[in-house]
N, C-alpha and C. Protein backbone atom coordinates (compact mmCIF):
# COMPACT_ATOMS: atom_id res chain seq x y z
N MET A 1 0.79 -1.19 0.00
CA MET A 1 0.00 0.00 0.00
C MET A 1 0.84 1.25 0.00
N ALA A 2 1.96 1.19 0.67
CA ALA A 2 2.84 2.35 0.72
C ALA A 2 3.37 2.67 -0.67
N ALA A 3 3.60 1.64 -1.44
CA ALA A 3 4.09 1.86 -2.79
C ALA A 3 3.01 2.53 -3.64
N ASP A 4 1.75 2.14 -3.41
CA ASP A 4 0.66 2.75 -4.16
C ASP A 4 0.50 4.23 -3.83
N ARG A 5 0.69 4.54 -2.54
CA ARG A 5 0.57 5.95 -2.15
C ARG A 5 1.68 6.79 -2.76
N GLY A 6 2.88 6.27 -2.81
CA GLY A 6 3.99 7.02 -3.40
C GLY A 6 3.79 7.23 -4.88
N SER A 7 3.31 6.23 -5.58
CA SER A 7 3.05 6.36 -7.02
C SER A 7 1.91 7.32 -7.26
N HIS A 8 0.91 7.20 -6.41
CA HIS A 8 -0.25 8.09 -6.52
C HIS A 8 0.17 9.55 -6.28
N GLY A 9 1.01 9.78 -5.29
CA GLY A 9 1.49 11.14 -4.98
C GLY A 9 2.28 11.73 -6.13
N ARG A 10 3.13 10.87 -6.75
CA ARG A 10 3.91 11.35 -7.90
C ARG A 10 2.98 11.66 -9.07
N LEU A 11 1.98 10.82 -9.26
CA LEU A 11 1.03 11.03 -10.34
C LEU A 11 0.26 12.35 -10.14
N VAL A 12 -0.13 12.63 -8.93
CA VAL A 12 -0.83 13.89 -8.62
C VAL A 12 0.09 15.08 -8.88
N ARG A 13 1.36 14.96 -8.48
CA ARG A 13 2.30 16.06 -8.71
C ARG A 13 2.54 16.27 -10.20
N VAL A 14 2.66 15.20 -10.95
CA VAL A 14 2.88 15.31 -12.39
C VAL A 14 1.64 15.92 -13.06
N LEU A 15 0.47 15.41 -12.70
CA LEU A 15 -0.76 15.97 -13.26
C LEU A 15 -0.93 17.44 -12.87
N GLY A 16 -0.61 17.77 -11.64
CA GLY A 16 -0.68 19.16 -11.19
C GLY A 16 0.25 20.04 -11.98
N SER A 17 1.45 19.56 -12.27
CA SER A 17 2.40 20.33 -13.07
C SER A 17 1.90 20.53 -14.49
N VAL A 18 1.32 19.46 -15.06
CA VAL A 18 0.81 19.55 -16.43
C VAL A 18 -0.36 20.53 -16.49
N VAL A 19 -1.29 20.41 -15.55
CA VAL A 19 -2.44 21.31 -15.52
C VAL A 19 -1.97 22.74 -15.26
N GLY A 20 -1.04 22.91 -14.36
CA GLY A 20 -0.52 24.26 -14.06
C GLY A 20 0.17 24.87 -15.26
N ALA A 21 0.97 24.08 -15.97
CA ALA A 21 1.66 24.59 -17.17
C ALA A 21 0.65 24.96 -18.25
N ALA A 22 -0.37 24.12 -18.40
CA ALA A 22 -1.39 24.42 -19.40
C ALA A 22 -2.14 25.70 -19.05
N ALA A 23 -2.47 25.85 -17.78
CA ALA A 23 -3.17 27.07 -17.35
C ALA A 23 -2.28 28.29 -17.55
N LEU A 24 -1.00 28.14 -17.24
CA LEU A 24 -0.07 29.26 -17.43
C LEU A 24 0.03 29.61 -18.91
N GLY A 25 0.06 28.59 -19.77
CA GLY A 25 0.12 28.84 -21.22
C GLY A 25 -1.11 29.55 -21.71
N ILE A 26 -2.27 29.17 -21.22
CA ILE A 26 -3.51 29.83 -21.61
C ILE A 26 -3.51 31.27 -21.12
N LEU A 27 -3.08 31.46 -19.88
CA LEU A 27 -3.02 32.82 -19.32
C LEU A 27 -2.05 33.68 -20.12
N THR A 28 -0.89 33.14 -20.46
CA THR A 28 0.10 33.89 -21.22
C THR A 28 -0.46 34.24 -22.61
N ALA A 29 -1.12 33.27 -23.24
CA ALA A 29 -1.70 33.54 -24.56
C ALA A 29 -2.79 34.60 -24.47
N SER A 30 -3.58 34.58 -23.40
CA SER A 30 -4.64 35.58 -23.23
C SER A 30 -4.06 36.96 -23.05
N VAL A 31 -3.00 37.06 -22.26
CA VAL A 31 -2.37 38.36 -22.04
C VAL A 31 -1.75 38.86 -23.34
N ALA A 32 -1.13 37.97 -24.11
CA ALA A 32 -0.52 38.37 -25.37
C ALA A 32 -1.58 38.87 -26.35
N LEU A 33 -2.77 38.24 -26.32
CA LEU A 33 -3.83 38.69 -27.21
C LEU A 33 -4.46 39.99 -26.73
N ALA A 34 -4.51 40.20 -25.43
CA ALA A 34 -5.14 41.39 -24.89
C ALA A 34 -4.27 42.63 -25.09
N TYR A 35 -2.96 42.46 -25.08
CA TYR A 35 -2.04 43.59 -25.20
C TYR A 35 -1.10 43.35 -26.37
N PRO A 36 -1.28 44.10 -27.48
CA PRO A 36 -0.38 43.90 -28.62
C PRO A 36 1.04 44.30 -28.24
N ALA A 37 1.99 43.70 -28.94
CA ALA A 37 3.40 44.03 -28.70
C ALA A 37 3.61 45.52 -28.95
N PRO A 38 4.51 46.14 -28.18
CA PRO A 38 4.74 47.58 -28.38
C PRO A 38 5.42 47.85 -29.73
N ALA A 39 5.06 48.96 -30.31
CA ALA A 39 5.65 49.36 -31.59
C ALA A 39 7.07 49.87 -31.35
N ALA A 40 7.95 49.55 -32.29
CA ALA A 40 9.32 50.04 -32.22
C ALA A 40 9.63 51.00 -33.36
N SER A 41 8.86 50.87 -34.45
CA SER A 41 9.08 51.76 -35.59
C SER A 41 7.77 51.94 -36.34
N GLY A 42 7.72 53.01 -37.09
CA GLY A 42 6.54 53.30 -37.89
C GLY A 42 6.94 54.01 -39.16
N SER A 43 6.14 53.85 -40.20
CA SER A 43 6.45 54.52 -41.47
C SER A 43 5.17 54.77 -42.26
N LEU A 44 5.24 55.75 -43.14
CA LEU A 44 4.13 56.06 -44.02
C LEU A 44 4.15 55.06 -45.17
N VAL A 45 3.03 54.39 -45.42
CA VAL A 45 2.92 53.42 -46.51
C VAL A 45 2.39 54.11 -47.76
N SER A 46 1.34 54.93 -47.58
CA SER A 46 0.79 55.66 -48.72
C SER A 46 0.12 56.94 -48.23
N GLY A 47 0.06 57.93 -49.11
CA GLY A 47 -0.54 59.22 -48.80
C GLY A 47 -0.19 60.20 -49.89
N CYS A 48 -0.55 61.45 -49.71
CA CYS A 48 -0.31 62.49 -50.70
C CYS A 48 0.61 63.56 -50.11
N SER A 49 1.50 64.09 -50.93
CA SER A 49 2.34 65.19 -50.46
C SER A 49 1.64 66.53 -50.69
N SER A 50 0.61 66.52 -51.56
CA SER A 50 -0.13 67.74 -51.86
C SER A 50 -1.60 67.37 -52.07
N VAL A 51 -2.50 68.17 -51.50
CA VAL A 51 -3.94 67.95 -51.64
C VAL A 51 -4.56 69.31 -51.97
N ASN A 52 -5.38 69.36 -53.03
CA ASN A 52 -6.03 70.61 -53.41
C ASN A 52 -7.13 70.98 -52.43
N GLU A 53 -7.45 72.27 -52.38
CA GLU A 53 -8.55 72.75 -51.54
C GLU A 53 -9.83 72.01 -51.92
N GLY A 54 -10.60 71.62 -50.92
CA GLY A 54 -11.86 70.93 -51.16
C GLY A 54 -11.70 69.47 -51.56
N SER A 55 -10.51 68.89 -51.40
CA SER A 55 -10.25 67.50 -51.78
C SER A 55 -9.90 66.67 -50.56
N SER A 56 -9.64 65.37 -50.79
CA SER A 56 -9.25 64.47 -49.69
C SER A 56 -8.21 63.48 -50.18
N CYS A 57 -7.56 62.79 -49.23
CA CYS A 57 -6.54 61.80 -49.54
C CYS A 57 -6.47 60.81 -48.38
N VAL A 58 -6.27 59.52 -48.69
CA VAL A 58 -6.15 58.48 -47.67
C VAL A 58 -4.67 58.31 -47.30
N TYR A 59 -4.39 58.28 -46.00
CA TYR A 59 -3.04 58.08 -45.48
C TYR A 59 -3.01 56.77 -44.71
N THR A 60 -2.02 55.91 -45.01
CA THR A 60 -1.86 54.63 -44.33
C THR A 60 -0.47 54.57 -43.73
N ASP A 61 -0.40 54.26 -42.42
CA ASP A 61 0.86 54.13 -41.71
C ASP A 61 0.99 52.69 -41.23
N GLN A 62 2.25 52.21 -41.14
CA GLN A 62 2.51 50.85 -40.67
C GLN A 62 3.41 50.90 -39.45
N PHE A 63 3.10 50.06 -38.45
CA PHE A 63 3.86 50.01 -37.21
C PHE A 63 4.39 48.60 -37.01
N LEU A 64 5.70 48.51 -36.68
CA LEU A 64 6.37 47.23 -36.50
C LEU A 64 6.99 47.12 -35.12
N THR A 65 7.17 45.87 -34.64
CA THR A 65 7.84 45.61 -33.36
C THR A 65 9.34 45.70 -33.57
N ALA A 66 10.09 45.58 -32.49
CA ALA A 66 11.55 45.64 -32.57
C ALA A 66 12.10 44.49 -33.41
N SER A 67 11.40 43.35 -33.43
CA SER A 67 11.86 42.21 -34.22
C SER A 67 11.37 42.26 -35.66
N GLY A 68 10.62 43.30 -36.04
CA GLY A 68 10.16 43.47 -37.41
C GLY A 68 8.79 42.91 -37.68
N GLY A 69 8.14 42.37 -36.66
CA GLY A 69 6.78 41.85 -36.82
C GLY A 69 5.76 42.97 -36.80
N ALA A 70 4.60 42.70 -37.34
CA ALA A 70 3.52 43.68 -37.38
C ALA A 70 2.92 43.88 -36.00
N VAL A 71 2.60 45.14 -35.66
CA VAL A 71 1.88 45.46 -34.43
C VAL A 71 0.40 45.45 -34.80
N SER A 72 -0.26 44.31 -34.58
CA SER A 72 -1.67 44.21 -34.96
C SER A 72 -2.55 44.35 -33.72
N GLY A 73 -3.72 44.92 -33.92
CA GLY A 73 -4.68 45.09 -32.83
C GLY A 73 -4.41 46.28 -31.92
N ALA A 74 -3.47 47.14 -32.28
CA ALA A 74 -3.16 48.33 -31.47
C ALA A 74 -3.99 49.51 -31.98
N THR A 75 -4.22 50.48 -31.10
CA THR A 75 -4.97 51.67 -31.48
C THR A 75 -4.01 52.73 -32.00
N ALA A 76 -4.24 53.15 -33.23
CA ALA A 76 -3.47 54.24 -33.84
C ALA A 76 -4.31 55.50 -33.73
N THR A 77 -3.69 56.59 -33.27
CA THR A 77 -4.40 57.87 -33.19
C THR A 77 -3.83 58.80 -34.26
N PHE A 78 -4.71 59.59 -34.86
CA PHE A 78 -4.33 60.51 -35.93
C PHE A 78 -4.70 61.93 -35.53
N VAL A 79 -3.75 62.86 -35.72
CA VAL A 79 -3.96 64.27 -35.41
C VAL A 79 -3.43 65.08 -36.59
N VAL A 80 -4.15 66.12 -36.96
CA VAL A 80 -3.69 67.01 -38.03
C VAL A 80 -3.59 68.42 -37.47
N GLY A 81 -2.60 69.18 -37.89
CA GLY A 81 -2.43 70.54 -37.39
C GLY A 81 -1.69 71.41 -38.39
N GLY A 82 -1.70 72.69 -38.12
CA GLY A 82 -0.95 73.63 -38.94
C GLY A 82 -1.78 74.49 -39.87
N VAL A 83 -2.96 74.02 -40.27
CA VAL A 83 -3.80 74.78 -41.19
C VAL A 83 -5.25 74.61 -40.76
N LEU A 84 -5.97 75.73 -40.64
CA LEU A 84 -7.40 75.66 -40.34
C LEU A 84 -8.15 75.12 -41.54
N GLY A 85 -9.18 74.33 -41.29
CA GLY A 85 -10.00 73.81 -42.37
C GLY A 85 -9.53 72.46 -42.89
N ILE A 86 -8.60 71.81 -42.18
CA ILE A 86 -8.14 70.48 -42.55
C ILE A 86 -8.49 69.54 -41.40
N SER A 87 -9.02 68.35 -41.73
CA SER A 87 -9.37 67.39 -40.69
C SER A 87 -9.05 65.97 -41.15
N VAL A 88 -9.00 65.03 -40.17
CA VAL A 88 -8.82 63.61 -40.47
C VAL A 88 -10.00 62.84 -39.89
N ASN A 89 -10.39 61.77 -40.59
CA ASN A 89 -11.47 60.91 -40.14
C ASN A 89 -11.18 59.49 -40.60
N PRO A 90 -11.07 58.54 -39.71
CA PRO A 90 -11.28 58.61 -38.27
C PRO A 90 -10.05 59.19 -37.58
N THR A 91 -10.24 59.60 -36.32
CA THR A 91 -9.12 60.10 -35.52
C THR A 91 -8.40 58.97 -34.80
N SER A 92 -8.98 57.77 -34.81
CA SER A 92 -8.29 56.59 -34.29
C SER A 92 -8.77 55.36 -35.06
N ALA A 93 -7.86 54.38 -35.20
CA ALA A 93 -8.17 53.15 -35.92
C ALA A 93 -7.33 52.03 -35.34
N THR A 94 -7.78 50.80 -35.49
CA THR A 94 -7.05 49.63 -35.01
C THR A 94 -6.16 49.11 -36.12
N THR A 95 -4.89 48.83 -35.79
CA THR A 95 -3.97 48.31 -36.80
C THR A 95 -4.40 46.91 -37.22
N ASN A 96 -4.24 46.60 -38.50
CA ASN A 96 -4.63 45.29 -39.02
C ASN A 96 -3.51 44.27 -38.82
N SER A 97 -3.63 43.08 -39.42
CA SER A 97 -2.63 42.02 -39.24
C SER A 97 -1.28 42.39 -39.82
N SER A 98 -1.23 43.39 -40.70
CA SER A 98 0.04 43.88 -41.25
C SER A 98 0.60 45.05 -40.45
N GLY A 99 -0.11 45.45 -39.38
CA GLY A 99 0.33 46.59 -38.57
C GLY A 99 -0.02 47.92 -39.17
N GLN A 100 -0.98 47.94 -40.11
CA GLN A 100 -1.34 49.17 -40.80
C GLN A 100 -2.67 49.73 -40.31
N ALA A 101 -2.74 51.07 -40.28
CA ALA A 101 -3.97 51.79 -39.94
C ALA A 101 -4.08 52.97 -40.90
N SER A 102 -5.33 53.33 -41.25
CA SER A 102 -5.55 54.40 -42.24
C SER A 102 -6.51 55.45 -41.72
N THR A 103 -6.36 56.65 -42.29
CA THR A 103 -7.28 57.76 -42.04
C THR A 103 -7.41 58.55 -43.33
N THR A 104 -8.46 59.35 -43.45
CA THR A 104 -8.67 60.18 -44.63
C THR A 104 -8.56 61.65 -44.23
N LEU A 105 -7.68 62.37 -44.92
CA LEU A 105 -7.51 63.80 -44.71
C LEU A 105 -8.46 64.52 -45.66
N SER A 106 -9.21 65.49 -45.15
CA SER A 106 -10.12 66.29 -45.97
C SER A 106 -9.79 67.76 -45.78
N THR A 107 -9.90 68.54 -46.87
CA THR A 107 -9.61 69.97 -46.79
C THR A 107 -10.85 70.77 -47.15
N ALA A 108 -11.00 71.91 -46.52
CA ALA A 108 -12.09 72.84 -46.83
C ALA A 108 -11.71 73.62 -48.09
N THR A 109 -12.66 74.29 -48.68
CA THR A 109 -12.38 75.05 -49.89
C THR A 109 -11.55 76.29 -49.62
N SER A 110 -11.48 76.73 -48.37
CA SER A 110 -10.71 77.93 -48.05
C SER A 110 -9.41 77.61 -47.34
N ALA A 111 -9.04 76.33 -47.23
CA ALA A 111 -7.82 75.95 -46.52
C ALA A 111 -6.64 75.98 -47.47
N CYS A 112 -5.51 76.53 -47.01
CA CYS A 112 -4.29 76.46 -47.79
C CYS A 112 -3.09 76.66 -46.87
N GLY A 113 -1.97 76.03 -47.24
CA GLY A 113 -0.76 76.09 -46.44
C GLY A 113 -0.17 74.70 -46.30
N THR A 114 0.75 74.54 -45.32
CA THR A 114 1.38 73.25 -45.06
C THR A 114 0.92 72.74 -43.71
N ALA A 115 0.40 71.53 -43.71
CA ALA A 115 -0.11 70.89 -42.49
C ALA A 115 0.71 69.65 -42.18
N THR A 116 0.57 69.12 -40.96
CA THR A 116 1.22 67.87 -40.58
C THR A 116 0.16 66.90 -40.09
N ILE A 117 0.34 65.64 -40.47
CA ILE A 117 -0.51 64.55 -39.99
C ILE A 117 0.37 63.69 -39.11
N THR A 118 -0.06 63.47 -37.87
CA THR A 118 0.71 62.67 -36.93
C THR A 118 -0.08 61.42 -36.59
N ALA A 119 0.55 60.24 -36.80
CA ALA A 119 -0.05 58.96 -36.44
C ALA A 119 0.80 58.37 -35.30
N SER A 120 0.15 57.89 -34.23
CA SER A 120 0.88 57.37 -33.07
C SER A 120 0.33 56.03 -32.64
N VAL A 121 1.25 55.11 -32.29
CA VAL A 121 0.92 53.82 -31.70
C VAL A 121 1.95 53.54 -30.61
N THR A 122 1.51 53.33 -29.39
CA THR A 122 2.34 52.98 -28.22
C THR A 122 3.68 53.71 -28.19
N GLY A 123 3.64 55.00 -28.31
CA GLY A 123 4.86 55.79 -28.18
C GLY A 123 5.64 56.01 -29.45
N VAL A 124 5.27 55.38 -30.54
CA VAL A 124 5.94 55.59 -31.83
C VAL A 124 5.08 56.52 -32.66
N THR A 125 5.72 57.55 -33.22
CA THR A 125 4.99 58.58 -33.97
C THR A 125 5.53 58.68 -35.38
N VAL A 126 4.62 58.79 -36.34
CA VAL A 126 4.97 59.03 -37.74
C VAL A 126 4.36 60.37 -38.11
N THR A 127 5.19 61.32 -38.55
CA THR A 127 4.72 62.66 -38.92
C THR A 127 4.92 62.85 -40.42
N THR A 128 3.87 63.30 -41.08
CA THR A 128 3.88 63.50 -42.53
C THR A 128 3.43 64.93 -42.82
N SER A 129 4.13 65.59 -43.74
CA SER A 129 3.73 66.94 -44.17
C SER A 129 2.89 66.86 -45.43
N VAL A 130 1.91 67.73 -45.51
CA VAL A 130 1.06 67.81 -46.70
C VAL A 130 0.85 69.29 -47.02
N THR A 131 0.95 69.62 -48.30
CA THR A 131 0.77 71.00 -48.75
C THR A 131 -0.60 71.13 -49.41
N VAL A 132 -1.31 72.17 -49.03
CA VAL A 132 -2.58 72.50 -49.68
C VAL A 132 -2.33 73.83 -50.39
N PRO A 133 -2.15 73.78 -51.74
CA PRO A 133 -1.85 75.02 -52.46
C PRO A 133 -3.04 75.99 -52.41
N CYS A 134 -2.70 77.27 -52.28
CA CYS A 134 -3.73 78.31 -52.28
C CYS A 134 -4.16 78.57 -53.72
N SER A 135 -5.45 78.58 -53.95
CA SER A 135 -5.93 78.88 -55.30
C SER A 135 -5.91 80.37 -55.52
N ALA A 136 -5.74 80.78 -56.77
CA ALA A 136 -5.75 82.20 -57.10
C ALA A 136 -7.18 82.71 -56.98
N VAL A 137 -7.38 83.62 -56.09
CA VAL A 137 -8.71 84.16 -55.84
C VAL A 137 -8.75 85.61 -56.30
N THR A 138 -9.71 85.94 -57.15
CA THR A 138 -9.90 87.32 -57.58
C THR A 138 -11.04 87.90 -56.78
N THR A 139 -10.76 88.97 -56.10
CA THR A 139 -11.77 89.59 -55.26
C THR A 139 -12.09 90.97 -55.82
N SER A 140 -13.36 91.28 -55.94
CA SER A 140 -13.76 92.62 -56.37
C SER A 140 -14.27 93.37 -55.14
N LEU A 141 -13.92 94.61 -55.07
CA LEU A 141 -14.35 95.44 -53.96
C LEU A 141 -15.81 95.81 -54.14
N PRO A 142 -16.54 95.89 -53.07
CA PRO A 142 -17.95 96.27 -53.21
C PRO A 142 -18.07 97.73 -53.63
N ALA A 143 -19.09 98.04 -54.39
CA ALA A 143 -19.34 99.41 -54.84
C ALA A 143 -19.79 100.25 -53.65
N THR A 144 -19.22 101.44 -53.53
CA THR A 144 -19.62 102.33 -52.43
C THR A 144 -20.69 103.30 -52.88
N ALA A 145 -20.79 103.53 -54.17
CA ALA A 145 -21.84 104.40 -54.71
C ALA A 145 -22.13 103.94 -56.12
N THR A 146 -23.33 104.16 -56.54
CA THR A 146 -23.69 103.71 -57.88
C THR A 146 -23.59 104.84 -58.90
N ALA A 147 -23.53 106.09 -58.44
CA ALA A 147 -23.46 107.22 -59.37
C ALA A 147 -22.63 108.32 -58.71
N PRO A 148 -22.02 109.17 -59.54
CA PRO A 148 -21.29 110.30 -58.97
C PRO A 148 -22.25 111.25 -58.25
N PRO A 149 -21.72 112.05 -57.35
CA PRO A 149 -22.58 112.98 -56.63
C PRO A 149 -23.34 113.89 -57.61
N GLY A 150 -24.59 114.16 -57.30
CA GLY A 150 -25.43 115.02 -58.15
C GLY A 150 -25.11 116.49 -57.94
N PRO A 151 -25.80 117.38 -58.68
CA PRO A 151 -25.54 118.82 -58.61
C PRO A 151 -25.76 119.40 -57.22
N ALA A 152 -26.70 118.89 -56.46
CA ALA A 152 -26.96 119.43 -55.12
C ALA A 152 -25.74 119.22 -54.23
N ALA A 153 -25.10 118.05 -54.33
CA ALA A 153 -23.93 117.78 -53.50
C ALA A 153 -22.78 118.72 -53.87
N TRP A 154 -22.61 119.01 -55.17
CA TRP A 154 -21.55 119.92 -55.59
C TRP A 154 -21.83 121.34 -55.08
N LEU A 155 -23.07 121.74 -55.12
CA LEU A 155 -23.41 123.08 -54.63
C LEU A 155 -23.12 123.21 -53.14
N TYR A 156 -23.48 122.19 -52.36
CA TYR A 156 -23.18 122.23 -50.92
C TYR A 156 -21.68 122.30 -50.68
N ALA A 157 -20.93 121.58 -51.45
CA ALA A 157 -19.47 121.60 -51.29
C ALA A 157 -18.91 122.98 -51.63
N ILE A 158 -19.38 123.56 -52.70
CA ILE A 158 -18.89 124.90 -53.10
C ILE A 158 -19.27 125.94 -52.06
N PHE A 159 -20.52 125.94 -51.58
CA PHE A 159 -20.93 126.90 -50.56
C PHE A 159 -20.15 126.70 -49.27
N GLY A 160 -19.85 125.45 -48.92
CA GLY A 160 -19.07 125.18 -47.71
C GLY A 160 -17.67 125.75 -47.82
N ILE A 161 -17.03 125.57 -48.97
CA ILE A 161 -15.68 126.10 -49.18
C ILE A 161 -15.72 127.63 -49.19
N ALA A 162 -16.72 128.21 -49.83
CA ALA A 162 -16.85 129.67 -49.88
C ALA A 162 -17.04 130.23 -48.48
N ALA A 163 -17.81 129.56 -47.63
CA ALA A 163 -18.03 130.03 -46.27
C ALA A 163 -16.71 130.01 -45.50
N ILE A 164 -15.91 128.98 -45.69
CA ILE A 164 -14.62 128.89 -45.00
C ILE A 164 -13.71 130.03 -45.47
N VAL A 165 -13.70 130.30 -46.76
CA VAL A 165 -12.87 131.39 -47.29
C VAL A 165 -13.32 132.74 -46.74
N VAL A 166 -14.62 132.99 -46.66
CA VAL A 166 -15.15 134.26 -46.15
C VAL A 166 -14.76 134.43 -44.69
N VAL A 167 -14.93 133.38 -43.90
CA VAL A 167 -14.59 133.47 -42.47
C VAL A 167 -13.10 133.70 -42.32
N ALA A 168 -12.27 132.98 -43.06
CA ALA A 168 -10.83 133.15 -42.96
C ALA A 168 -10.42 134.56 -43.39
N GLY A 169 -11.07 135.11 -44.43
CA GLY A 169 -10.77 136.47 -44.88
C GLY A 169 -11.16 137.49 -43.83
N ALA A 170 -12.28 137.28 -43.15
CA ALA A 170 -12.74 138.20 -42.12
C ALA A 170 -11.76 138.20 -40.95
N VAL A 171 -11.29 137.04 -40.59
CA VAL A 171 -10.32 136.96 -39.48
C VAL A 171 -9.03 137.67 -39.87
N ALA A 172 -8.58 137.48 -41.08
CA ALA A 172 -7.35 138.12 -41.54
C ALA A 172 -7.52 139.64 -41.59
N LEU A 173 -8.66 140.13 -42.06
CA LEU A 173 -8.92 141.56 -42.13
C LEU A 173 -8.94 142.16 -40.74
N ARG A 174 -9.55 141.51 -39.80
CA ARG A 174 -9.62 142.00 -38.44
C ARG A 174 -8.22 142.11 -37.83
N ARG A 175 -7.37 141.15 -38.07
CA ARG A 175 -6.01 141.21 -37.53
C ARG A 175 -5.24 142.37 -38.16
N THR A 176 -5.48 142.56 -39.42
CA THR A 176 -4.79 143.66 -40.10
C THR A 176 -5.21 144.99 -39.52
N ARG A 177 -6.48 145.20 -39.26
CA ARG A 177 -6.98 146.45 -38.70
C ARG A 177 -6.42 146.68 -37.31
N GLN A 178 -6.33 145.58 -36.51
CA GLN A 178 -5.82 145.74 -35.16
C GLN A 178 -4.36 146.11 -35.17
N SER A 179 -3.61 145.57 -36.10
CA SER A 179 -2.18 145.88 -36.10
C SER A 179 -1.92 147.28 -36.64
N VAL A 180 -2.82 147.85 -37.42
CA VAL A 180 -2.63 149.21 -37.94
C VAL A 180 -2.95 150.22 -36.85
N VAL A 181 -3.88 149.95 -36.02
CA VAL A 181 -4.30 150.89 -35.00
C VAL A 181 -3.32 150.95 -33.93
């Protein structure tokens, strides 16, 4: 009986080790699936260096681990800045099995200048510049009057100037009389 107990105890320990190792493997696999490997590098895969006013362009960035594998299942955030009237949609996306995530840049009809698109995954940032050329805009000034001043306006102007001349002459004459006396 003692021999049976010793064999049984060893069997329990072996089974416990096997079950424990299997549980640890499942737990490790679950953690690996829940948290994608951190990104070590990122690069622009496709996009535009120039986008016209009122147009759009798709930008795709790829993120890789230190060993060169794809960072899949990670959240990529996209931010655009530098020019008013430019936006990206979506502002966040999940990287695919190749480690790639995409967003679409859209420009307003009045936007122009150089903007930057920044894509980030776990501390790795890819910055891309895009130019939105300014279109030649011809602006006409609004009309301030539809016709030249009429005769009444000219008469008022002439009488106003004549009144100023008469008053100035009277003041000058008075000074002359005072200095003679």
